[in-house]
C-alpha atoms as a PDB file:
ATOM      1  CA  MET A   1     -30.142 145.220  13.136  1.00  0.00           C
ATOM      2  CA  ILE A   2     -27.450 147.414  15.443  1.00  0.00           C
ATOM      3  CA  PRO A   3     -24.786 145.260  16.652  1.00  0.00           C
ATOM      4  CA  LYS A   4     -23.866 145.638  20.249  1.00  0.00           C
ATOM      5  CA  THR A   5     -20.333 146.679  21.169  1.00  0.00           C
ATOM      6  CA  SER A   6     -18.149 144.108  22.339  1.00  0.00           C
ATOM      7  CA  PRO A   7     -17.100 144.188  26.179  1.00  0.00           C
ATOM      8  CA  THR A   8     -13.803 143.495  25.123  1.00  0.00           C
ATOM      9  CA  GLY A   9     -13.616 146.207  22.055  1.00  0.00           C
ATOM     10  CA  PRO A  10     -11.168 149.031  21.290  1.00  0.00           C
ATOM     11  CA  ALA A  11     -13.094 151.362  24.571  1.00  0.00           C
ATOM     12  CA  THR A  12     -12.466 148.768  26.808  1.00  0.00           C
ATOM     13  CA  ASP A  13      -8.744 147.990  25.988  1.00  0.00           C
ATOM     14  CA  VAL A  14      -7.833 151.411  25.889  1.00  0.00           C
ATOM     15  CA  GLN A  15      -9.445 152.119  29.722  1.00  0.00           C
ATOM     16  CA  HIS A  16      -7.820 149.060  30.350  1.00  0.00           C
ATOM     17  CA  LEU A  17      -4.732 150.646  29.147  1.00  0.00           C
ATOM     18  CA  LEU A  18      -4.969 154.069  30.884  1.00  0.00           C
ATOM     19  CA  HIS A  19      -5.752 152.008  34.520  1.00  0.00           C
ATOM     20  CA  GLU A  20      -1.613 150.181  33.901  1.00  0.00           C
ATOM     21  CA  LEU A  21      -0.503 153.615  33.295  1.00  0.00           C
ATOM     22  CA  GLN A  22      -1.763 155.123  35.934  1.00  0.00           C
ATOM     23  CA  VAL A  23      -0.526 152.048  38.301  1.00  0.00           C
ATOM     24  CA  HIS A  24       2.600 152.585  37.017  1.00  0.00           C
ATOM     25  CA  GLN A  25       3.271 155.996  37.387  1.00  0.00           C
ATOM     26  CA  ILE A  26       1.534 156.135  41.116  1.00  0.00           C
ATOM     27  CA  GLU A  27       4.448 152.907  41.252  1.00  0.00           C
ATOM     28  CA  LEU A  28       6.967 155.599  39.571  1.00  0.00           C
ATOM     29  CA  GLU A  29       6.490 158.060  42.216  1.00  0.00           C
ATOM     30  CA  LEU A  30       6.657 155.415  44.938  1.00  0.00           C
ATOM     31  CA  GLN A  31      10.056 154.919  43.601  1.00  0.00           C
ATOM     32  CA  ASN A  32      11.531 158.603  43.090  1.00  0.00           C
ATOM     33  CA  ASP A  33      10.088 159.166  46.110  1.00  0.00           C
ATOM     34  CA  GLU A  34      12.063 156.417  48.130  1.00  0.00           C
ATOM     35  CA  LEU A  35      14.911 157.388  45.795  1.00  0.00           C
ATOM     36  CA  ARG A  36      14.373 161.056  47.428  1.00  0.00           C
ATOM     37  CA  GLN A  37      14.419 159.983  50.627  1.00  0.00           C
ATOM     38  CA  SER A  38      17.641 157.701  49.729  1.00  0.00           C
ATOM     39  CA  GLN A  39      19.278 160.196  48.555  1.00  0.00           C
ATOM     40  CA  LEU A  40      18.568 162.602  51.517  1.00  0.00           C
ATOM     41  CA  ALA A  41      19.501 160.099  53.972  1.00  0.00           C
ATOM     42  CA  LEU A  42      22.694 159.706  51.711  1.00  0.00           C
ATOM     43  CA  GLU A  43      23.610 163.343  52.203  1.00  0.00           C
ATOM     44  CA  HIS A  44      23.019 163.519  55.824  1.00  0.00           C
ATOM     45  CA  ALA A  45      25.283 160.797  56.185  1.00  0.00           C
ATOM     46  CA  ARG A  46      27.298 162.060  54.188  1.00  0.00           C
ATOM     47  CA  ALA A  47      27.374 165.016  55.675  1.00  0.00           C
ATOM     48  CA  ARG A  48      27.396 163.750  59.008  1.00  0.00           C
ATOM     49  CA  TYR A  49      30.735 161.447  58.125  1.00  0.00           C
ATOM     50  CA  PHE A  50      32.428 164.884  57.024  1.00  0.00           C
ATOM     51  CA  ASP A  51      31.525 166.373  60.220  1.00  0.00           C
ATOM     52  CA  LEU A  52      33.100 163.562  61.938  1.00  0.00           C
ATOM     53  CA  TYR A  53      35.797 163.447  59.720  1.00  0.00           C
ATOM     54  CA  ASP A  54      36.197 167.068  60.220  1.00  0.00           C
ATOM     55  CA  MET A  55      35.692 167.237  63.994  1.00  0.00           C
ATOM     56  CA  ALA A  56      37.346 163.823  64.487  1.00  0.00           C
ATOM     57  CA  PRO A  57      40.100 164.418  67.546  1.00  0.00           C
ATOM     58  CA  VAL A  58      43.029 162.852  65.350  1.00  0.00           C
ATOM     59  CA  GLY A  59      44.104 164.094  62.284  1.00  0.00           C
ATOM     60  CA  TYR A  60      43.470 162.028  59.337  1.00  0.00           C
ATOM     61  CA  LEU A  61      45.878 162.610  56.266  1.00  0.00           C
ATOM     62  CA  THR A  62      45.576 160.802  52.767  1.00  0.00           C
ATOM     63  CA  LEU A  63      49.316 160.738  50.787  1.00  0.00           C
ATOM     64  CA  GLY A  64      50.029 159.893  47.051  1.00  0.00           C
ATOM     65  CA  VAL A  65      52.938 157.650  47.421  1.00  0.00           C
ATOM     66  CA  SER A  66      54.563 160.748  45.950  1.00  0.00           C
ATOM     67  CA  GLY A  67      54.707 161.690  49.892  1.00  0.00           C
ATOM     68  CA  LEU A  68      52.159 164.639  49.012  1.00  0.00           C
ATOM     69  CA  ILE A  69      49.012 165.302  50.908  1.00  0.00           C
ATOM     70  CA  LEU A  70      46.078 164.769  49.012  1.00  0.00           C
ATOM     71  CA  GLU A  71      43.695 165.629  51.908  1.00  0.00           C
ATOM     72  CA  ALA A  72      43.308 166.315  55.558  1.00  0.00           C
ATOM     73  CA  ASN A  73      40.980 167.147  58.146  1.00  0.00           C
ATOM     74  CA  LEU A  74      40.473 170.115  60.209  1.00  0.00           C
ATOM     75  CA  THR A  75      42.668 168.607  63.392  1.00  0.00           C
ATOM     76  CA  ALA A  76      45.432 167.258  60.765  1.00  0.00           C
ATOM     77  CA  ALA A  77      45.727 171.285  59.905  1.00  0.00           C
ATOM     78  CA  THR A  78      45.113 172.359  63.386  1.00  0.00           C
ATOM     79  CA  LEU A  79      48.126 170.118  64.337  1.00  0.00           C
ATOM     80  CA  LEU A  80      50.265 171.165  61.824  1.00  0.00           C
ATOM     81  CA  GLY A  81      49.991 175.049  62.287  1.00  0.00           C
ATOM     82  CA  VAL A  82      48.463 176.077  58.534  1.00  0.00           C
ATOM     83  CA  PRO A  83      44.807 175.987  57.078  1.00  0.00           C
ATOM     84  CA  ARG A  84      43.471 173.269  55.554  1.00  0.00           C
ATOM     85  CA  SER A  85      43.847 174.482  51.528  1.00  0.00           C
ATOM     86  CA  ALA A  86      47.412 175.097  52.048  1.00  0.00           C
ATOM     87  CA  LEU A  87      48.387 171.108  52.939  1.00  0.00           C
ATOM     88  CA  VAL A  88      46.991 169.923  49.612  1.00  0.00           C
ATOM     89  CA  GLN A  89      49.814 169.059  47.332  1.00  0.00           C
ATOM     90  CA  ARG A  90      52.526 169.765  50.207  1.00  0.00           C
ATOM     91  CA  PRO A  91      54.936 167.031  51.646  1.00  0.00           C
ATOM     92  CA  LEU A  92      54.048 165.459  55.136  1.00  0.00           C
ATOM     93  CA  HIS A  93      57.686 165.438  55.571  1.00  0.00           C
ATOM     94  CA  ALA A  94      58.202 169.067  55.334  1.00  0.00           C
ATOM     95  CA  PHE A  95      56.321 169.525  58.486  1.00  0.00           C
ATOM     96  CA  VAL A  96      58.655 166.251  60.439  1.00  0.00           C
ATOM     97  CA  VAL A  97      61.176 167.934  62.916  1.00  0.00           C
ATOM     98  CA  LYS A  98      64.848 167.415  61.238  1.00  0.00           C
ATOM     99  CA  ASP A  99      65.634 165.161  63.919  1.00  0.00           C
ATOM    100  CA  ASP A 100      62.882 163.324  63.316  1.00  0.00           C
ATOM    101  CA  GLN A 101      62.832 162.707  59.652  1.00  0.00           C
ATOM    102  CA  ASP A 102      65.249 159.337  59.302  1.00  0.00           C
ATOM    103  CA  SER A 103      62.108 157.767  61.174  1.00  0.00           C
ATOM    104  CA  PHE A 104      59.397 159.105  59.052  1.00  0.00           C
ATOM    105  CA  TYR A 105      61.045 157.999  56.336  1.00  0.00           C
ATOM    106  CA  LEU A 106      61.988 154.201  57.591  1.00  0.00           C
ATOM    107  CA  LEU A 107      58.126 154.274  58.524  1.00  0.00           C
ATOM    108  CA  CYS A 108      56.985 155.581  54.882  1.00  0.00           C
ATOM    109  CA  ARG A 109      59.666 152.770  53.197  1.00  0.00           C
ATOM    110  CA  GLN A 110      58.554 149.486  55.750  1.00  0.00           C
ATOM    111  CA  LEU A 111      55.030 150.749  54.429  1.00  0.00           C
ATOM    112  CA  ARG A 112      55.508 150.870  50.737  1.00  0.00           C
ATOM    113  CA  GLU A 113      57.365 147.309  50.662  1.00  0.00           C
ATOM    114  CA  THR A 114      55.639 145.134  53.163  1.00  0.00           C
ATOM    115  CA  GLY A 115      52.020 146.756  53.224  1.00  0.00           C
ATOM    116  CA  ALA A 116      51.654 146.579  56.775  1.00  0.00           C
ATOM    117  CA  PRO A 117      50.542 148.934  59.261  1.00  0.00           C
ATOM    118  CA  GLN A 118      53.486 151.306  60.799  1.00  0.00           C
ATOM    119  CA  SER A 119      53.596 153.320  63.546  1.00  0.00           C
ATOM    120  CA  ARG A 120      55.405 156.465  64.876  1.00  0.00           C
ATOM    121  CA  GLN A 121      56.030 158.751  67.956  1.00  0.00           C
ATOM    122  CA  LEU A 122      57.721 161.549  65.933  1.00  0.00           C
ATOM    123  CA  ARG A 123      57.729 165.498  67.023  1.00  0.00           C
ATOM    124  CA  VAL A 124      56.564 168.121  64.211  1.00  0.00           C
ATOM    125  CA  THR A 125      56.372 171.257  63.944  1.00  0.00           C
ATOM    126  CA  GLY A 126      53.084 173.421  64.553  1.00  0.00           C
ATOM    127  CA  ARG A 127      51.202 176.506  65.154  1.00  0.00           C
ATOM    128  CA  ASP A 128      53.803 179.415  65.595  1.00  0.00           C
ATOM    129  CA  GLY A 129      56.789 176.956  65.239  1.00  0.00           C
ATOM    130  CA  HIS A 130      55.929 175.148  68.489  1.00  0.00           C
ATOM    131  CA  ARG A 131      57.245 171.300  68.234  1.00  0.00           C
ATOM    132  CA  VAL A 132      54.161 168.592  68.937  1.00  0.00           C
ATOM    133  CA  TRP A 133      54.956 165.229  69.869  1.00  0.00           C
ATOM    134  CA  VAL A 134      52.709 162.548  67.726  1.00  0.00           C
ATOM    135  CA  HIS A 135      51.518 159.384  67.091  1.00  0.00           C
ATOM    136  CA  LEU A 136      51.534 158.401  63.653  1.00  0.00           C
ATOM    137  CA  MET A 137      49.828 155.360  62.535  1.00  0.00           C
ATOM    138  CA  ALA A 138      49.795 154.768  59.036  1.00  0.00           C
ATOM    139  CA  THR A 139      48.615 152.007  56.066  1.00  0.00           C
ATOM    140  CA  VAL A 140      48.085 151.673  52.559  1.00  0.00           C
ATOM    141  CA  VAL A 141      45.588 151.433  50.517  1.00  0.00           C
ATOM    142  CA  THR A 142      44.625 150.533  46.879  1.00  0.00           C
ATOM    143  CA  THR A 143      41.482 152.512  45.334  1.00  0.00           C
ATOM    144  CA  ASP A 144      39.373 151.371  42.926  1.00  0.00           C
ATOM    145  CA  SER A 145      42.060 153.147  40.141  1.00  0.00           C
ATOM    146  CA  GLY A 146      44.509 150.965  40.867  1.00  0.00           C
ATOM    147  CA  ALA A 147      46.425 153.983  42.521  1.00  0.00           C
ATOM    148  CA  ARG A 148      47.989 153.664  45.823  1.00  0.00           C
ATOM    149  CA  GLU A 149      47.603 155.750  48.949  1.00  0.00           C
ATOM    150  CA  LEU A 150      49.063 156.006  52.729  1.00  0.00           C
ATOM    151  CA  ARG A 151      46.437 156.631  54.712  1.00  0.00           C
ATOM    152  CA  MET A 152      47.740 158.379  58.376  1.00  0.00           C
ATOM    153  CA  VAL A 153      46.424 159.172  61.549  1.00  0.00           C
ATOM    154  CA  LEU A 154      48.080 161.643  63.929  1.00  0.00           C
ATOM    155  CA  SER A 155      47.559 162.082  67.405  1.00  0.00           C
ATOM    156  CA  ASP A 156      48.452 164.804  69.489  1.00  0.00           C
ATOM    157  CA  ILE A 157      50.418 163.095  72.582  1.00  0.00           C
ATOM    158  CA  ASN A 158      52.091 166.644  74.142  1.00  0.00           C
ATOM    159  CA  ALA A 159      50.433 165.727  76.840  1.00  0.00           C
ATOM    160  CA  LEU A 160      51.518 162.172  77.322  1.00  0.00           C
ATOM    161  CA  LYS A 161      55.568 163.314  76.707  1.00  0.00           C
ATOM    162  CA  THR A 162      55.208 166.305  79.384  1.00  0.00           C
ATOM    163  CA  LEU A 163      54.179 163.381  81.948  1.00  0.00           C
ATOM    164  CA  GLU A 164      56.521 160.803  81.098  1.00  0.00           C
ATOM    165  CA  ARG A 165      58.918 163.641  81.495  1.00  0.00           C
ATOM    166  CA  GLN A 166      58.063 164.379  84.546  1.00  0.00           C
ATOM    167  CA  LEU A 167      57.842 161.191  85.691  1.00  0.00           C
ATOM    168  CA  ASP A 168      61.642 160.632  84.694  1.00  0.00           C
ATOM    169  CA  ARG A 169      62.488 163.712  86.375  1.00  0.00           C
ATOM    170  CA  LEU A 170      61.014 161.741  89.640  1.00  0.00           C
ATOM    171  CA  ALA A 171      62.387 158.826  88.997  1.00  0.00           C
ATOM    172  CA  HIS A 172      66.263 160.251  88.342  1.00  0.00           C
ATOM    173  CA  PHE A 173      66.517 163.782  90.476  1.00  0.00           C
ATOM    174  CA  ASP A 174      66.318 164.736  93.458  1.00  0.00           C
ATOM    175  CA  THR A 175      62.884 167.193  93.802  1.00  0.00           C
ATOM    176  CA  LEU A 176      64.946 169.164  97.105  1.00  0.00           C
ATOM    177  CA  THR A 177      68.234 170.010  95.185  1.00  0.00           C
ATOM    178  CA  GLN A 178      67.218 168.871  91.550  1.00  0.00           C
ATOM    179  CA  LEU A 179      70.228 166.845  91.768  1.00  0.00           C
ATOM    180  CA  PRO A 180      70.593 163.314  90.258  1.00  0.00           C
ATOM    181  CA  ASN A 181      69.289 160.942  92.660  1.00  0.00           C
ATOM    182  CA  ARG A 182      70.261 157.364  93.964  1.00  0.00           C
ATOM    183  CA  LEU A 183      69.157 155.718  91.180  1.00  0.00           C
ATOM    184  CA  LEU A 184      70.525 158.027  88.192  1.00  0.00           C
ATOM    185  CA  ASN A 185      74.149 158.185  90.029  1.00  0.00           C
ATOM    186  CA  ALA A 186      74.484 154.401  89.964  1.00  0.00           C
ATOM    187  CA  ASP A 187      73.415 154.801  86.245  1.00  0.00           C
ATOM    188  CA  ARG A 188      75.944 157.242  85.639  1.00  0.00           C
ATOM    189  CA  LEU A 189      78.816 155.413  87.607  1.00  0.00           C
ATOM    190  CA  GLN A 190      78.396 152.531  85.326  1.00  0.00           C
ATOM    191  CA  GLN A 191      78.846 154.501  82.400  1.00  0.00           C
ATOM    192  CA  ALA A 192      81.397 156.276  83.981  1.00  0.00           C
ATOM    193  CA  VAL A 193      83.121 152.974  84.893  1.00  0.00           C
ATOM    194  CA  ALA A 194      83.073 151.740  81.375  1.00  0.00           C
ATOM    195  CA  GLN A 195      84.011 154.643  79.889  1.00  0.00           C
ATOM    196  CA  ALA A 196      87.099 155.159  81.721  1.00  0.00           C
ATOM    197  CA  ARG A 197      88.169 150.475  80.706  1.00  0.00           C
ATOM    198  CA  ARG A 198      87.088 152.000  77.399  1.00  0.00           C
ATOM    199  CA  THR A 199      89.657 154.909  76.984  1.00  0.00           C
ATOM    200  CA  GLY A 200      92.117 154.298  79.841  1.00  0.00           C
ATOM    201  CA  GLN A 201      91.499 157.496  81.857  1.00  0.00           C
ATOM    202  CA  GLY A 202      90.886 157.109  85.420  1.00  0.00           C
ATOM    203  CA  LEU A 203      87.709 158.005  87.517  1.00  0.00           C
ATOM    204  CA  ALA A 204      87.277 159.268  91.207  1.00  0.00           C
ATOM    205  CA  VAL A 205      84.301 158.336  93.396  1.00  0.00           C
ATOM    206  CA  VAL A 206      83.990 161.147  96.101  1.00  0.00           C
ATOM    207  CA  TYR A 207      81.312 160.018  99.178  1.00  0.00           C
ATOM    208  CA  ILE A 208      80.132 163.271 100.562  1.00  0.00           C
ATOM    209  CA  ASP A 209      78.442 163.802 104.252  1.00  0.00           C
ATOM    210  CA  LEU A 210      78.195 167.026 105.908  1.00  0.00           C
ATOM    211  CA  ASP A 211      79.301 167.337 109.807  1.00  0.00           C
ATOM    212  CA  GLY A 212      76.918 168.572 111.844  1.00  0.00           C
ATOM    213  CA  PHE A 213      73.728 168.880 109.673  1.00  0.00           C
ATOM    214  CA  LYS A 214      71.577 167.111 111.719  1.00  0.00           C
ATOM    215  CA  SER A 215      72.306 169.769 114.761  1.00  0.00           C
ATOM    216  CA  ILE A 216      70.971 172.407 112.691  1.00  0.00           C
ATOM    217  CA  ASN A 217      68.085 170.108 111.450  1.00  0.00           C
ATOM    218  CA  ASP A 218      67.333 169.368 114.761  1.00  0.00           C
ATOM    219  CA  GLN A 219      67.883 173.343 116.067  1.00  0.00           C
ATOM    220  CA  PHE A 220      66.129 175.234 113.616  1.00  0.00           C
ATOM    221  CA  GLY A 221      63.345 173.001 111.447  1.00  0.00           C
ATOM    222  CA  HIS A 222      63.605 170.775 108.471  1.00  0.00           C
ATOM    223  CA  ASP A 223      63.068 173.995 106.222  1.00  0.00           C
ATOM    224  CA  ILE A 224      65.950 175.634 107.230  1.00  0.00           C
ATOM    225  CA  GLY A 225      67.803 171.965 107.414  1.00  0.00           C
ATOM    226  CA  ASP A 226      66.077 172.084 103.696  1.00  0.00           C
ATOM    227  CA  GLN A 227      67.477 175.570 102.350  1.00  0.00           C
ATOM    228  CA  MET A 228      70.766 174.960 103.578  1.00  0.00           C
ATOM    229  CA  LEU A 229      71.080 171.762 101.853  1.00  0.00           C
ATOM    230  CA  VAL A 230      69.989 173.412  98.911  1.00  0.00           C
ATOM    231  CA  ALA A 231      72.811 175.979  99.096  1.00  0.00           C
ATOM    232  CA  VAL A 232      75.426 173.658 100.007  1.00  0.00           C
ATOM    233  CA  ALA A 233      74.666 171.046  97.142  1.00  0.00           C
ATOM    234  CA  SER A 234      74.574 174.395  94.700  1.00  0.00           C
ATOM    235  CA  ARG A 235      77.974 175.068  95.713  1.00  0.00           C
ATOM    236  CA  MET A 236      79.059 172.150  95.515  1.00  0.00           C
ATOM    237  CA  GLN A 237      78.184 171.972  91.934  1.00  0.00           C
ATOM    238  CA  GLN A 238      79.626 175.288  91.064  1.00  0.00           C
ATOM    239  CA  VAL A 239      82.855 173.968  91.858  1.00  0.00           C
ATOM    240  CA  LEU A 240      83.040 171.398  89.930  1.00  0.00           C
ATOM    241  CA  ARG A 241      83.919 170.325  86.306  1.00  0.00           C
ATOM    242  CA  GLU A 242      82.268 170.090  83.166  1.00  0.00           C
ATOM    243  CA  GLY A 243      81.108 166.261  82.707  1.00  0.00           C
ATOM    244  CA  ASP A 244      81.379 165.743  86.588  1.00  0.00           C
ATOM    245  CA  THR A 245      78.122 164.589  88.427  1.00  0.00           C
ATOM    246  CA  LEU A 246      76.985 165.242  91.799  1.00  0.00           C
ATOM    247  CA  ALA A 247      74.524 163.350  93.069  1.00  0.00           C
ATOM    248  CA  ARG A 248      72.310 163.122  96.407  1.00  0.00           C
ATOM    249  CA  VAL A 249      71.507 159.614  97.596  1.00  0.00           C
ATOM    250  CA  GLY A 250      70.778 160.787 101.149  1.00  0.00           C
ATOM    251  CA  GLY A 251      69.175 162.781 103.655  1.00  0.00           C
ATOM    252  CA  ASP A 252      73.112 164.951 103.907  1.00  0.00           C
ATOM    253  CA  GLU A 253      75.057 161.816 101.752  1.00  0.00           C
ATOM    254  CA  PHE A 254      76.566 162.983  98.106  1.00  0.00           C
ATOM    255  CA  VAL A 255      78.460 161.755  95.618  1.00  0.00           C
ATOM    256  CA  ALA A 256      80.831 163.530  93.092  1.00  0.00           C
ATOM    257  CA  LEU A 257      81.918 161.310  90.403  1.00  0.00           C
ATOM    258  CA  LEU A 258      85.196 162.853  89.196  1.00  0.00           C
ATOM    259  CA  ILE A 259      86.126 161.894  85.342  1.00  0.00           C
ATOM    260  CA  ASN A 260      89.532 162.109  84.080  1.00  0.00           C
ATOM    261  CA  THR A 261      91.376 161.568  87.466  1.00  0.00           C
ATOM    262  CA  GLY A 262      92.944 158.518  88.308  1.00  0.00           C
ATOM    263  CA  HIS A 263      94.893 159.748  91.481  1.00  0.00           C
ATOM    264  CA  ILE A 264      95.124 161.736  93.853  1.00  0.00           C
ATOM    265  CA  HIS A 265      97.548 164.841  92.521  1.00  0.00           C
ATOM    266  CA  THR A 266      95.175 165.341  89.870  1.00  0.00           C
ATOM    267  CA  CYS A 267      91.869 165.983  91.966  1.00  0.00           C
ATOM    268  CA  ALA A 268      93.544 167.093  95.574  1.00  0.00           C
ATOM    269  CA  ALA A 269      92.449 171.087  94.763  1.00  0.00           C
ATOM    270  CA  LEU A 270      88.974 169.770  93.205  1.00  0.00           C
ATOM    271  CA  LEU A 271      88.338 168.183  96.702  1.00  0.00           C
ATOM    272  CA  ALA A 272      90.094 171.115  98.318  1.00  0.00           C
ATOM    273  CA  ARG A 273      87.593 173.220  96.537  1.00  0.00           C
ATOM    274  CA  LEU A 274      84.550 170.892  97.528  1.00  0.00           C
ATOM    275  CA  LEU A 275      85.313 170.979 101.229  1.00  0.00           C
ATOM    276  CA  ALA A 276      85.440 174.748 101.256  1.00  0.00           C
ATOM    277  CA  ALA A 277      81.996 174.631  99.101  1.00  0.00           C
ATOM    278  CA  ALA A 278      80.648 173.114 102.178  1.00  0.00           C
ATOM    279  CA  ALA A 279      81.618 174.549 104.593  1.00  0.00           C
ATOM    280  CA  GLN A 280      80.910 178.323 103.241  1.00  0.00           C
ATOM    281  CA  PRO A 281      78.976 180.319 106.351  1.00  0.00           C
ATOM    282  CA  MET A 282      75.410 181.208 104.960  1.00  0.00           C
ATOM    283  CA  GLN A 283      72.780 183.618 106.724  1.00  0.00           C
ATOM    284  CA  LEU A 284      69.589 181.726 107.223  1.00  0.00           C
ATOM    285  CA  LYS A 285      66.580 182.952 109.454  1.00  0.00           C
ATOM    286  CA  ASP A 286      68.510 185.636 111.083  1.00  0.00           C
ATOM    287  CA  GLU A 287      71.902 183.568 111.924  1.00  0.00           C
ATOM    288  CA  LEU A 288      75.234 182.666 110.267  1.00  0.00           C
ATOM    289  CA  LEU A 289      75.005 179.092 110.233  1.00  0.00           C
ATOM    290  CA  GLN A 290      77.596 176.385 109.182  1.00  0.00           C
ATOM    291  CA  VAL A 291      78.222 173.104 108.297  1.00  0.00           C
ATOM    292  CA  SER A 292      81.254 171.161 106.878  1.00  0.00           C
ATOM    293  CA  ALA A 293      81.925 167.972 105.313  1.00  0.00           C
ATOM    294  CA  SER A 294      83.684 164.570 105.551  1.00  0.00           C
ATOM    295  CA  LEU A 295      85.060 163.243 102.144  1.00  0.00           C
ATOM    296  CA  GLY A 296      85.661 159.360 101.591  1.00  0.00           C
ATOM    297  CA  VAL A 297      87.620 159.135  98.078  1.00  0.00           C
ATOM    298  CA  THR A 298      88.522 155.990  95.980  1.00  0.00           C
ATOM    299  CA  PHE A 299      90.058 155.778  92.168  1.00  0.00           C
ATOM    300  CA  TYR A 300      89.280 153.088  89.346  1.00  0.00           C
ATOM    301  CA  PRO A 301      90.628 151.119  87.919  1.00  0.00           C
ATOM    302  CA  GLN A 302      92.447 149.351  90.960  1.00  0.00           C
ATOM    303  CA  SER A 303      94.327 146.470  90.516  1.00  0.00           C
ATOM    304  CA  GLN A 304      91.249 143.649  90.305  1.00  0.00           C
ATOM    305  CA  GLU A 305      88.367 144.721  88.701  1.00  0.00           C
ATOM    306  CA  LEU A 306      85.444 146.757  90.585  1.00  0.00           C
ATOM    307  CA  ASP A 307      82.058 147.939  89.912  1.00  0.00           C
ATOM    308  CA  GLY A 308      80.078 150.743  90.843  1.00  0.00           C
ATOM    309  CA  ASP A 309      78.153 149.148  94.501  1.00  0.00           C
ATOM    310  CA  GLN A 310      82.089 148.321  95.220  1.00  0.00           C
ATOM    311  CA  LEU A 311      83.604 151.165  94.514  1.00  0.00           C
ATOM    312  CA  LEU A 312      80.761 153.208  96.225  1.00  0.00           C
ATOM    313  CA  ARG A 313      81.487 151.095  99.347  1.00  0.00           C
ATOM    314  CA  GLN A 314      85.311 152.050  99.148  1.00  0.00           C
ATOM    315  CA  ALA A 315      84.434 155.476  98.941  1.00  0.00           C
ATOM    316  CA  ASP A 316      82.053 155.252 102.330  1.00  0.00           C
ATOM    317  CA  GLN A 317      84.484 153.638 104.095  1.00  0.00           C
ATOM    318  CA  ALA A 318      87.104 155.942 103.348  1.00  0.00           C
ATOM    319  CA  MET A 319      84.586 158.725 104.359  1.00  0.00           C
ATOM    320  CA  TYR A 320      83.509 157.361 107.529  1.00  0.00           C
ATOM    321  CA  LEU A 321      87.348 157.247 108.512  1.00  0.00           C
ATOM    322  CA  ALA A 322      87.566 161.045 107.578  1.00  0.00           C
ATOM    323  CA  LYS A 323      84.776 161.635 110.049  1.00  0.00           C
ATOM    324  CA  GLN A 324      86.999 159.647 112.650  1.00  0.00           C
ATOM    325  CA  ALA A 325      89.818 161.369 111.610  1.00  0.00           C
ATOM    326  CA  GLY A 326      88.307 164.955 112.638  1.00  0.00           C
ATOM    327  CA  LYS A 327      85.960 165.722 109.837  1.00  0.00           C
ATOM    328  CA  ASN A 328      86.160 168.743 107.576  1.00  0.00           C
ATOM    329  CA  ARG A 329      88.544 166.623 105.884  1.00  0.00           C
ATOM    330  CA  TYR A 330      89.457 163.995 103.016  1.00  0.00           C
ATOM    331  CA  GLN A 331      90.945 160.721 102.977  1.00  0.00           C
ATOM    332  CA  VAL A 332      91.448 158.214  99.970  1.00  0.00           C
ATOM    333  CA  PHE A 333      90.727 154.467 100.397  1.00  0.00           C
ATOM    334  CA  ALA A 334      93.699 152.478  99.893  1.00  0.00           C
ATOM    335  CA  PRO A 335      93.250 149.297  98.952  1.00  0.00           C
ATOM    336  CA  ALA A 336      96.372 147.043  99.334  1.00  0.00           C
ATOM    337  CA  ALA A 337      96.775 148.198 102.882  1.00  0.00           C
ATOM    338  CA  PRO A 338      95.363 147.000 105.792  1.00  0.00           C
ATOM    339  CA  ALA A 339      91.988 147.708 107.513  1.00  0.00           C
ATOM    340  CA  ASN A 340      93.154 149.420 109.746  1.00  0.00           C
ATOM    341  CA  ILE A 341      95.018 151.858 107.949  1.00  0.00           C
ATOM    342  CA  ARG A 342      93.253 151.538 104.736  1.00  0.00           C
ATOM    343  CA  CYS A 343      93.046 155.480 104.423  1.00  0.00           C
ATOM    344  CA  ALA A 344      95.626 158.036 103.793  1.00  0.00           C
ATOM    345  CA  GLY A 345      95.674 161.668 102.066  1.00  0.00           C
ATOM    346  CA  VAL A 346      94.300 163.651 104.631  1.00  0.00           C
ATOM    347  CA  VAL A 347      93.283 167.751 104.453  1.00  0.00           C
ATOM    348  CA  ASP A 348      92.034 169.621 106.969  1.00  0.00           C
ATOM    349  CA  LEU A 349      91.211 173.120 106.322  1.00  0.00           C
ATOM    350  CA  ASN A 350      90.825 174.091 110.224  1.00  0.00           C
ATOM    351  CA  PHE A 351      87.238 176.097 110.146  1.00  0.00           C
ATOM    352  CA  GLU A 352      86.825 177.941 113.414  1.00  0.00           C
ATOM    353  CA  LYS A 353      83.844 176.510 114.840  1.00  0.00           C
ATOM    354  CA  SER A 354      82.312 178.589 117.841  1.00  0.00           C
ATOM    355  CA  THR A 355      80.490 176.696 120.671  1.00  0.00           C
ATOM    356  CA  SER A 356      76.772 177.140 119.466  1.00  0.00           C
ATOM    357  CA  VAL A 357      75.726 174.081 117.597  1.00  0.00           C
ATOM    358  CA  GLY A 358      75.788 174.708 113.678  1.00  0.00           C
ATOM    359  CA  LYS A 359      76.769 178.360 113.713  1.00  0.00           C
ATOM    360  CA  ALA A 360      79.900 179.502 111.847  1.00  0.00           C
ATOM    361  CA  SER A 361      82.220 181.589 114.073  1.00  0.00           C
ATOM    362  CA  PRO A 362      82.108 186.028 113.037  1.00  0.00           C
ATOM    363  CA  SER A 363      85.497 186.601 111.164  1.00  0.00           C
END
C-alpha cells in the first residue's frame, strides 16, 4: 500500500517559502519606490533651496575663521561685482572700502569673542569700482566637524542711504539758494563758539538783511525775486573766506559766521566786500535791478559769556540800527554802551539809486 503525501510535506513548505519571498519582494519594491520618491522629493527640495539661495534679494556668504570666503550666492557676487567662482578663497575685507575696514575688523573680532550676532553698515566696492552701501549681519556657527564658520548676510541699502542724504539736505540746507538753513546755521554757530573758546581766536557774527528786496518781489514777481536771492547769495558766498559760513535764515535774511575774527579792524574789508556783493546790479527780465544790504555785526568773546542765540540777537539788533541809519552799511554791536547808542563803526558805500523802486542807476 503506497502512503499518501502529507499536506505539510516538502512541497507545501516550498510553496510557503515562495509566497513569503514574493511578499518580501513586493515590500522591497514598495520600499524602493518610497525611497525613490523620497530621493526625488529631496532633490526637488535641494533644487528649490539652491534656487532660492541664488535668487535671494540679499547676499549670503560663508567665511572661514581666517576670513576667506568659502561660499557665496549669486546676489553676493553681483553686489561685489565679481563672478561667484572668483569669490571663493578670497578675503571679504578686500572688498570693503578702506575707510570702513576698521569697522569690519571690529565686527569680526566681536563676533569671534562673544559669539553674539553682529551688524554694521559699511561700504563695499561693487561693479566697475562703484561703492555700494550694505547692511552686514553676521553670526558664527560650529559645523558637524567642529570647525567654526562665519555666516554673513549683505543687504543693498544704497537707495536708503541716498534717501537719507536727500532728507538730511532738505533738513539742513535752503532749497532755493543751497546755503545752510537756520537749523544748520545754529549748529555751526555753536561749533564756532566752542572753537573760539577753545583756541582763543575771535568770531564775528554778521546778520544781513537785504534793502529794497520786498519792493522788487512785489513789483516783478516771486520768480524774479527768487532769481535775485540766488544771485545775491552766490555773490556774497564768493567773497567769504574758506572756513566762513553763509546761511539763509529767512526770506531775505542771511547770517555770516566769520572765524578767527575778533575785532572790527580784522574784518572791515570783508564786510565792505559783502556790501558790495549784495549791491551789485543784475540784469533780470530786461531790467537792471539792484538791492543793497544792512549788516549788523557782533563779536565773540565778550566780557560776559554768551551762547549762539544771544550773539544772533545782538547782530540782529545792530542790523536794525544799520537800517535806521540809512541802510547799505554795517553797524557793530557795542555791548558796553547804552541801548540807544549801542552801535558803532558805520560804513556807507553811497550807491546812487534812481527814483524807480529797486532799479539800478545807469553808470
